[in-house]
Amino acid sequence: QQAIRYGELHQQIEEAEPYIRTADMLSFDFSSIRAAEAPGAIQPSPGGFSAMEACRIARYAGLAYHLSSISITSYVPQFDYRNQGALLSAMLAWYFMEGFYNRYDDYPDEERTQLRRYAVKLHATVETIHFFEHLRTGRWWMEVPYQISGKSPSGPGLLVPCSKKDYEFA
């Protein structure tokens, strides 16, 4: 279960994509969109996502490998006097479907032949972290070593979606 707040994404909405990439389900609260752009929200707020940021999130959801459902919650048609919220809901659905029909087949295979590897040396208990960039799509993963029942890690670790900013930060 993962959650990410608006403050973490403010002016960098592309950072939502790694969180959504391997999701099975996405629930999007209509009240998280600015009230001026999303009339019909149960708890309207002057702050929050813009309509286009919300549409980009919906597209990222459509691109997600395993996503089977998306839910748009907190929309009440009775509060939407000019149907602007309904139109925005339709836009969100369109962007989701556009992403779905353009899903990338870039999930890394075991050999990781389609990935460029970057090693980041650390001064911590983990000596090196490996990051991978897909050669065609430019999406990023980080390798996380893991243990099986007390044994030391062997072989390739688990790949976790991340962004280029995560790599640059490391």
C-alpha atoms as a PDB file:
ATOM      1  CA  GLN A   1       0.000   0.000   0.000  1.00  0.00           C
ATOM      2  CA  GLN A   2       1.522   3.282  -1.101  1.00  0.00           C
ATOM      3  CA  ALA A   3       0.292   6.830  -0.823  1.00  0.00           C
ATOM      4  CA  ILE A   4       1.857  10.029  -2.028  1.00  0.00           C
ATOM      5  CA  ARG A   5       0.733  13.510  -1.106  1.00  0.00           C
ATOM      6  CA  TYR A   6       0.345  16.554  -3.295  1.00  0.00           C
ATOM      7  CA  GLY A   7       3.141  18.434  -1.529  1.00  0.00           C
ATOM      8  CA  GLU A   8       5.615  15.767  -2.649  1.00  0.00           C
ATOM      9  CA  LEU A   9       4.523  16.182  -6.268  1.00  0.00           C
ATOM     10  CA  HIS A  10       4.063  19.945  -6.459  1.00  0.00           C
ATOM     11  CA  GLN A  11       5.655  21.152  -9.720  1.00  0.00           C
ATOM     12  CA  GLN A  12       7.096  17.695 -10.454  1.00  0.00           C
ATOM     13  CA  ILE A  13       4.056  15.561 -11.295  1.00  0.00           C
ATOM     14  CA  GLU A  14       6.220  13.121 -13.277  1.00  0.00           C
ATOM     15  CA  GLU A  15       7.496  11.841  -9.908  1.00  0.00           C
ATOM     16  CA  ALA A  16       4.093  10.133  -9.459  1.00  0.00           C
ATOM     17  CA  GLU A  17       4.801   7.697 -12.310  1.00  0.00           C
ATOM     18  CA  PRO A  18       7.152   5.296 -10.431  1.00  0.00           C
ATOM     19  CA  TYR A  19       4.608   4.997  -7.593  1.00  0.00           C
ATOM     20  CA  ILE A  20       1.867   4.084 -10.049  1.00  0.00           C
ATOM     21  CA  ARG A  21       3.912   1.885 -12.425  1.00  0.00           C
ATOM     22  CA  THR A  22       3.425  -1.402 -10.569  1.00  0.00           C
ATOM     23  CA  ALA A  23       0.097  -0.627  -8.881  1.00  0.00           C
ATOM     24  CA  ASP A  24      -2.810  -3.041  -9.089  1.00  0.00           C
ATOM     25  CA  MET A  25      -5.437  -0.407  -8.287  1.00  0.00           C
ATOM     26  CA  LEU A  26      -5.566   3.386  -8.094  1.00  0.00           C
ATOM     27  CA  SER A  27      -8.040   5.446  -6.110  1.00  0.00           C
ATOM     28  CA  PHE A  28      -8.091   9.126  -7.041  1.00  0.00           C
ATOM     29  CA  ASP A  29      -9.974  11.555  -4.786  1.00  0.00           C
ATOM     30  CA  PHE A  30     -11.775  14.211  -6.871  1.00  0.00           C
ATOM     31  CA  SER A  31     -11.388  16.590  -3.892  1.00  0.00           C
ATOM     32  CA  SER A  32      -7.601  16.571  -4.460  1.00  0.00           C
ATOM     33  CA  ILE A  33      -8.136  18.710  -7.588  1.00  0.00           C
ATOM     34  CA  ARG A  34      -8.483  22.488  -7.179  1.00  0.00           C
ATOM     35  CA  ALA A  35     -12.117  23.463  -6.608  1.00  0.00           C
ATOM     36  CA  ALA A  36     -11.985  25.991  -9.461  1.00  0.00           C
ATOM     37  CA  GLU A  37     -11.152  23.159 -11.863  1.00  0.00           C
ATOM     38  CA  ALA A  38     -13.212  20.376 -10.261  1.00  0.00           C
ATOM     39  CA  PRO A  39     -16.664  21.543  -9.227  1.00  0.00           C
ATOM     40  CA  GLY A  40     -18.678  18.731  -7.761  1.00  0.00           C
ATOM     41  CA  ALA A  41     -16.070  17.635  -5.217  1.00  0.00           C
ATOM     42  CA  ILE A  42     -17.392  16.661  -1.782  1.00  0.00           C
ATOM     43  CA  GLN A  43     -14.712  18.685   0.024  1.00  0.00           C
ATOM     44  CA  PRO A  44     -13.606  21.427  -2.378  1.00  0.00           C
ATOM     45  CA  SER A  45     -10.286  23.128  -1.719  1.00  0.00           C
ATOM     46  CA  PRO A  46      -8.618  26.137  -3.364  1.00  0.00           C
ATOM     47  CA  GLY A  47      -5.361  24.155  -3.548  1.00  0.00           C
ATOM     48  CA  GLY A  48      -4.447  20.813  -5.008  1.00  0.00           C
ATOM     49  CA  PHE A  49      -3.737  19.278  -8.393  1.00  0.00           C
ATOM     50  CA  SER A  50      -4.537  21.157 -11.564  1.00  0.00           C
ATOM     51  CA  ALA A  51      -6.834  19.428 -14.048  1.00  0.00           C
ATOM     52  CA  MET A  52      -3.869  18.693 -16.326  1.00  0.00           C
ATOM     53  CA  GLU A  53      -1.814  17.241 -13.451  1.00  0.00           C
ATOM     54  CA  ALA A  54      -4.750  14.955 -12.640  1.00  0.00           C
ATOM     55  CA  CYS A  55      -4.958  13.936 -16.304  1.00  0.00           C
ATOM     56  CA  ARG A  56      -1.245  13.083 -16.337  1.00  0.00           C
ATOM     57  CA  ILE A  57      -1.731  10.907 -13.254  1.00  0.00           C
ATOM     58  CA  ALA A  58      -4.628   9.148 -15.003  1.00  0.00           C
ATOM     59  CA  ARG A  59      -2.381   8.519 -18.024  1.00  0.00           C
ATOM     60  CA  TYR A  60       0.364   7.100 -15.791  1.00  0.00           C
ATOM     61  CA  ALA A  61      -2.282   4.796 -14.323  1.00  0.00           C
ATOM     62  CA  GLY A  62      -3.212   3.613 -17.813  1.00  0.00           C
ATOM     63  CA  LEU A  63       0.441   2.872 -18.554  1.00  0.00           C
ATOM     64  CA  ALA A  64       0.828   0.778 -15.355  1.00  0.00           C
ATOM     65  CA  TYR A  65       1.668  -2.880 -16.030  1.00  0.00           C
ATOM     66  CA  HIS A  66      -0.828  -4.588 -13.743  1.00  0.00           C
ATOM     67  CA  LEU A  67      -3.434  -1.933 -13.020  1.00  0.00           C
ATOM     68  CA  SER A  68      -6.838  -3.562 -13.185  1.00  0.00           C
ATOM     69  CA  SER A  69      -9.008  -0.751 -11.831  1.00  0.00           C
ATOM     70  CA  ILE A  70      -9.110   2.955 -11.202  1.00  0.00           C
ATOM     71  CA  SER A  71     -11.575   4.687  -8.930  1.00  0.00           C
ATOM     72  CA  ILE A  72     -12.478   8.366  -8.978  1.00  0.00           C
ATOM     73  CA  THR A  73     -14.068   9.152  -5.630  1.00  0.00           C
ATOM     74  CA  SER A  74     -15.672  12.171  -3.915  1.00  0.00           C
ATOM     75  CA  TYR A  75     -17.542  13.460  -6.972  1.00  0.00           C
ATOM     76  CA  VAL A  76     -21.182  14.488  -6.421  1.00  0.00           C
ATOM     77  CA  PRO A  77     -23.127  15.484  -9.563  1.00  0.00           C
ATOM     78  CA  GLN A  78     -25.591  17.589  -7.501  1.00  0.00           C
ATOM     79  CA  PHE A  79     -22.731  19.961  -6.584  1.00  0.00           C
ATOM     80  CA  ASP A  80     -21.638  20.262 -10.232  1.00  0.00           C
ATOM     81  CA  TYR A  81     -24.004  22.931 -11.545  1.00  0.00           C
ATOM     82  CA  ARG A  82     -22.414  23.464 -14.970  1.00  0.00           C
ATOM     83  CA  ASN A  83     -21.180  19.887 -15.518  1.00  0.00           C
ATOM     84  CA  GLN A  84     -17.518  20.966 -15.505  1.00  0.00           C
ATOM     85  CA  GLY A  85     -16.657  18.239 -12.994  1.00  0.00           C
ATOM     86  CA  ALA A  86     -18.387  15.658 -15.186  1.00  0.00           C
ATOM     87  CA  LEU A  87     -16.349  16.836 -18.159  1.00  0.00           C
ATOM     88  CA  LEU A  88     -13.154  16.597 -16.097  1.00  0.00           C
ATOM     89  CA  SER A  89     -14.114  13.061 -15.033  1.00  0.00           C
ATOM     90  CA  ALA A  90     -14.532  12.192 -18.709  1.00  0.00           C
ATOM     91  CA  MET A  91     -11.103  13.684 -19.447  1.00  0.00           C
ATOM     92  CA  LEU A  92      -9.566  11.581 -16.667  1.00  0.00           C
ATOM     93  CA  ALA A  93     -11.167   8.470 -18.160  1.00  0.00           C
ATOM     94  CA  TRP A  94      -9.897   9.410 -21.639  1.00  0.00           C
ATOM     95  CA  TYR A  95      -6.322   9.937 -20.416  1.00  0.00           C
ATOM     96  CA  PHE A  96      -6.466   6.628 -18.543  1.00  0.00           C
ATOM     97  CA  MET A  97      -7.609   4.815 -21.699  1.00  0.00           C
ATOM     98  CA  GLU A  98      -5.011   6.623 -23.812  1.00  0.00           C
ATOM     99  CA  GLY A  99      -2.323   5.370 -21.433  1.00  0.00           C
ATOM    100  CA  PHE A 100      -3.808   1.861 -21.413  1.00  0.00           C
ATOM    101  CA  TYR A 101      -3.703   1.574 -25.200  1.00  0.00           C
ATOM    102  CA  ASN A 102      -0.122   2.858 -25.261  1.00  0.00           C
ATOM    103  CA  ARG A 103       1.281   0.639 -22.507  1.00  0.00           C
ATOM    104  CA  TYR A 104       4.991   0.030 -22.852  1.00  0.00           C
ATOM    105  CA  ASP A 105       6.338  -3.482 -22.950  1.00  0.00           C
ATOM    106  CA  ASP A 106       9.421  -2.449 -21.012  1.00  0.00           C
ATOM    107  CA  TYR A 107       9.172  -4.582 -17.892  1.00  0.00           C
ATOM    108  CA  PRO A 108      12.752  -5.779 -17.308  1.00  0.00           C
ATOM    109  CA  ASP A 109      13.533  -9.380 -18.183  1.00  0.00           C
ATOM    110  CA  GLU A 110      15.836 -11.472 -15.985  1.00  0.00           C
ATOM    111  CA  GLU A 111      18.877 -10.833 -18.184  1.00  0.00           C
ATOM    112  CA  ARG A 112      18.147  -7.091 -18.135  1.00  0.00           C
ATOM    113  CA  THR A 113      19.480  -6.837 -21.682  1.00  0.00           C
ATOM    114  CA  GLN A 114      17.326  -3.823 -22.506  1.00  0.00           C
ATOM    115  CA  LEU A 115      18.589  -1.832 -19.507  1.00  0.00           C
ATOM    116  CA  ARG A 116      21.604   0.408 -18.981  1.00  0.00           C
ATOM    117  CA  ARG A 117      23.145  -0.167 -15.557  1.00  0.00           C
ATOM    118  CA  TYR A 118      24.502   2.553 -13.266  1.00  0.00           C
ATOM    119  CA  ALA A 119      26.357   1.792 -10.021  1.00  0.00           C
ATOM    120  CA  VAL A 120      26.258   4.312  -7.190  1.00  0.00           C
ATOM    121  CA  LYS A 121      28.881   3.874  -4.465  1.00  0.00           C
ATOM    122  CA  LEU A 122      27.615   4.583  -0.966  1.00  0.00           C
ATOM    123  CA  HIS A 123      29.223   5.097   2.416  1.00  0.00           C
ATOM    124  CA  ALA A 124      26.710   2.931   4.268  1.00  0.00           C
ATOM    125  CA  THR A 125      25.938  -0.676   5.135  1.00  0.00           C
ATOM    126  CA  VAL A 126      25.058  -1.279   1.487  1.00  0.00           C
ATOM    127  CA  GLU A 127      28.226  -0.626  -0.495  1.00  0.00           C
ATOM    128  CA  THR A 128      26.679  -0.062  -3.934  1.00  0.00           C
ATOM    129  CA  ILE A 129      23.185   0.523  -5.287  1.00  0.00           C
ATOM    130  CA  HIS A 130      22.465  -0.311  -8.907  1.00  0.00           C
ATOM    131  CA  PHE A 131      20.074   1.766 -10.962  1.00  0.00           C
ATOM    132  CA  PHE A 132      18.779   0.757 -14.371  1.00  0.00           C
ATOM    133  CA  GLU A 133      17.440   2.875 -17.221  1.00  0.00           C
ATOM    134  CA  HIS A 134      15.396   1.296 -20.000  1.00  0.00           C
ATOM    135  CA  LEU A 135      17.156   1.999 -23.297  1.00  0.00           C
ATOM    136  CA  ARG A 136      13.938   2.586 -25.272  1.00  0.00           C
ATOM    137  CA  THR A 137      11.529   4.225 -22.828  1.00  0.00           C
ATOM    138  CA  GLY A 138      13.900   5.947 -20.386  1.00  0.00           C
ATOM    139  CA  ARG A 139      12.042   4.621 -17.321  1.00  0.00           C
ATOM    140  CA  TRP A 140      14.164   3.861 -14.250  1.00  0.00           C
ATOM    141  CA  TRP A 141      14.450   1.043 -11.672  1.00  0.00           C
ATOM    142  CA  MET A 142      16.571   0.544  -8.576  1.00  0.00           C
ATOM    143  CA  GLU A 143      17.874  -2.888  -7.591  1.00  0.00           C
ATOM    144  CA  VAL A 144      17.155  -3.853  -3.999  1.00  0.00           C
ATOM    145  CA  PRO A 145      19.079  -6.859  -2.633  1.00  0.00           C
ATOM    146  CA  TYR A 146      16.948  -9.252  -0.619  1.00  0.00           C
ATOM    147  CA  GLN A 147      17.523 -12.273   1.569  1.00  0.00           C
ATOM    148  CA  ILE A 148      15.800 -15.633   1.425  1.00  0.00           C
ATOM    149  CA  SER A 149      15.352 -17.168   4.907  1.00  0.00           C
ATOM    150  CA  GLY A 150      18.498 -15.774   6.518  1.00  0.00           C
ATOM    151  CA  LYS A 151      20.872 -16.454   3.613  1.00  0.00           C
ATOM    152  CA  SER A 152      22.971 -13.664   2.183  1.00  0.00           C
ATOM    153  CA  PRO A 153      21.653 -12.075  -1.034  1.00  0.00           C
ATOM    154  CA  SER A 154      22.705 -13.859  -4.199  1.00  0.00           C
ATOM    155  CA  GLY A 155      21.906 -13.187  -7.809  1.00  0.00           C
ATOM    156  CA  PRO A 156      19.985 -10.201  -9.062  1.00  0.00           C
ATOM    157  CA  GLY A 157      17.907  -8.277  -6.560  1.00  0.00           C
ATOM    158  CA  LEU A 158      14.366  -7.035  -6.796  1.00  0.00           C
ATOM    159  CA  LEU A 159      13.809  -4.152  -9.230  1.00  0.00           C
ATOM    160  CA  VAL A 160      11.751  -1.313  -7.784  1.00  0.00           C
ATOM    161  CA  PRO A 161      10.450   1.501  -9.996  1.00  0.00           C
ATOM    162  CA  CYS A 162      12.106   4.857  -9.396  1.00  0.00           C
ATOM    163  CA  SER A 163      12.809   8.069 -11.264  1.00  0.00           C
ATOM    164  CA  LYS A 164      15.930   9.650 -12.677  1.00  0.00           C
ATOM    165  CA  LYS A 165      15.747  12.124  -9.785  1.00  0.00           C
ATOM    166  CA  ASP A 166      16.089   9.196  -7.350  1.00  0.00           C
ATOM    167  CA  TYR A 167      19.243   8.132  -9.190  1.00  0.00           C
ATOM    168  CA  GLU A 168      20.616  11.681  -9.175  1.00  0.00           C
ATOM    169  CA  PHE A 169      19.828  12.024  -5.463  1.00  0.00           C
ATOM    170  CA  ALA A 170      21.720   8.815  -4.660  1.00  0.00           C
END
